[in-house]
Amino acid sequence: MNQADVFALHADVCKALGSAARLKIIDALRLGELTVTDIAGAVGARKASVSQHLAVMRQKGIVETRRQGLHVYYRLASPKVLQACQLMREVLLEQIASRGELVAAREGGAMASGKGEAP
């Protein structure tokens, strides 16, 4: 497998993670294995919808399953999936905070100058 193939696989996994519903599922699985019913309750979604998302995530190697009797339990294939999602969330929160500081600085500048527009 060459580097281009690895980039293509990376892009496919990122596409699979490009859904708020799937990110919620990953968050629900952070503490361990859950059934579809448990996940649906945790994320506030229909079981059918959760099942479809889990099928995509399983195909991409994001989640794994274990059958016990009539129940199928889902878990993250690697704790690094959760770490990657948490890292991206931290980046986004930093960006939001930075924008908030910029807005506050602009509003403060407009108020200090007595003008209704930002400088």
Protein backbone atom coordinates (compact mmCIF):
# COMPACT_ATOMS: atom_id res chain seq x y z
CA MET A 1 0.00 0.00 0.00
CA ASN A 2 1.45 3.35 -0.99
CA GLN A 3 1.04 6.77 0.59
CA ALA A 4 -1.73 7.77 -1.83
CA ASP A 5 -3.72 4.72 -0.75
CA VAL A 6 -3.29 5.65 2.91
CA PHE A 7 -4.50 9.20 2.19
CA ALA A 8 -7.55 7.78 0.39
CA LEU A 9 -8.36 5.52 3.34
CA HIS A 10 -7.87 8.45 5.73
CA ALA A 11 -10.29 10.54 3.67
CA ASP A 12 -12.87 7.73 3.74
CA VAL A 13 -12.70 7.49 7.52
CA CYS A 14 -12.97 11.27 7.83
CA LYS A 15 -16.05 11.21 5.60
CA ALA A 16 -17.58 8.62 7.89
CA LEU A 17 -16.86 10.91 10.85
CA GLY A 18 -18.37 13.89 9.01
CA SER A 19 -21.75 13.38 10.65
CA ALA A 20 -22.87 14.91 13.93
CA ALA A 21 -24.94 11.78 14.60
CA ARG A 22 -21.86 9.56 14.25
CA LEU A 23 -19.80 11.83 16.49
CA LYS A 24 -22.55 11.53 19.12
CA ILE A 25 -22.37 7.75 18.79
CA ILE A 26 -18.61 7.82 19.29
CA ASP A 27 -19.10 9.97 22.36
CA ALA A 28 -21.68 7.52 23.72
CA LEU A 29 -19.22 4.65 23.22
CA ARG A 30 -16.43 6.41 25.12
CA LEU A 31 -17.15 4.43 28.29
CA GLY A 32 -17.44 1.02 26.66
CA GLU A 33 -19.72 -1.37 24.86
CA LEU A 34 -23.37 -0.58 24.21
CA THR A 35 -26.24 -2.13 22.28
CA VAL A 36 -28.07 -0.25 19.53
CA THR A 37 -30.93 0.36 21.97
CA ASP A 38 -28.53 1.82 24.55
CA ILE A 39 -26.86 4.03 21.94
CA ALA A 40 -30.19 5.23 20.56
CA GLY A 41 -31.27 6.23 24.06
CA ALA A 42 -27.98 7.97 24.79
CA VAL A 43 -27.99 10.05 21.61
CA GLY A 44 -31.74 10.58 21.33
CA ALA A 45 -32.16 8.95 17.93
CA ARG A 46 -34.24 6.17 16.43
CA LYS A 47 -32.77 2.67 16.55
CA ALA A 48 -33.05 2.30 12.76
CA SER A 49 -31.03 5.47 12.22
CA VAL A 50 -28.40 4.45 14.76
CA SER A 51 -28.13 1.01 13.13
CA GLN A 52 -27.45 2.60 9.74
CA HIS A 53 -24.76 4.86 11.17
CA LEU A 54 -23.16 1.95 13.01
CA ALA A 55 -23.09 -0.10 9.79
CA VAL A 56 -21.11 2.64 8.03
CA MET A 57 -18.78 3.02 11.00
CA ARG A 58 -18.25 -0.73 11.18
CA GLN A 59 -17.44 -0.89 7.47
CA LYS A 60 -14.81 1.83 7.94
CA GLY A 61 -13.27 0.10 10.96
CA ILE A 62 -14.36 2.74 13.46
CA VAL A 63 -16.46 0.37 15.58
CA GLU A 64 -16.41 -3.36 16.25
CA THR A 65 -19.10 -5.72 17.46
CA ARG A 66 -19.48 -8.59 19.87
CA ARG A 67 -22.52 -10.87 19.98
CA GLN A 68 -23.77 -12.19 23.30
CA GLY A 69 -26.96 -14.21 23.03
CA LEU A 70 -29.54 -12.07 21.26
CA HIS A 71 -27.62 -8.84 21.81
CA VAL A 72 -24.95 -7.21 19.65
CA TYR A 73 -22.59 -4.90 21.53
CA TYR A 74 -20.72 -2.11 19.79
CA ARG A 75 -17.42 -0.63 20.91
CA LEU A 76 -14.81 1.68 19.44
CA ALA A 77 -12.25 -0.27 17.43
CA SER A 78 -9.47 1.83 18.97
CA PRO A 79 -9.36 4.39 21.79
CA LYS A 80 -7.42 6.57 19.35
CA VAL A 81 -10.69 7.25 17.49
CA LEU A 82 -12.03 8.97 20.60
CA GLN A 83 -8.72 10.78 21.12
CA ALA A 84 -8.81 12.08 17.53
CA CYS A 85 -12.38 13.34 17.97
CA GLN A 86 -11.52 14.98 21.30
CA LEU A 87 -8.47 16.66 19.80
CA MET A 88 -10.53 18.08 16.93
CA ARG A 89 -13.16 19.31 19.41
CA GLU A 90 -10.42 21.09 21.40
CA VAL A 91 -9.20 22.79 18.22
CA LEU A 92 -12.76 23.94 17.45
CA LEU A 93 -13.33 25.22 20.99
CA GLU A 94 -10.07 27.18 20.79
CA GLN A 95 -11.20 28.71 17.49
CA ILE A 96 -14.58 29.63 18.98
CA ALA A 97 -12.90 31.20 22.00
CA SER A 98 -10.51 33.11 19.75
CA ARG A 99 -13.40 34.45 17.66
CA GLY A 100 -15.19 35.47 20.84
CA GLU A 101 -12.13 37.41 21.95
CA LEU A 102 -11.96 39.11 18.55
CA VAL A 103 -15.64 40.05 18.72
CA ALA A 104 -15.24 41.35 22.27
CA ALA A 105 -12.17 43.39 21.25
CA ARG A 106 -14.05 44.89 18.30
CA GLU A 107 -17.10 45.69 20.39
CA GLY A 108 -14.92 47.22 23.08
CA GLY A 109 -13.12 49.32 20.48
CA ALA A 110 -16.37 50.55 18.99
CA MET A 111 -17.69 51.49 22.42
CA ALA A 112 -14.50 53.24 23.43
CA SER A 113 -14.48 55.32 20.26
CA GLY A 114 -18.12 56.19 20.64
CA LYS A 115 -18.86 54.95 17.14
CA GLY A 116 -21.39 52.28 16.21
CA GLU A 117 -18.96 50.43 13.92
CA ALA A 118 -15.89 48.41 14.64
CA PRO A 119 -12.61 50.15 13.72
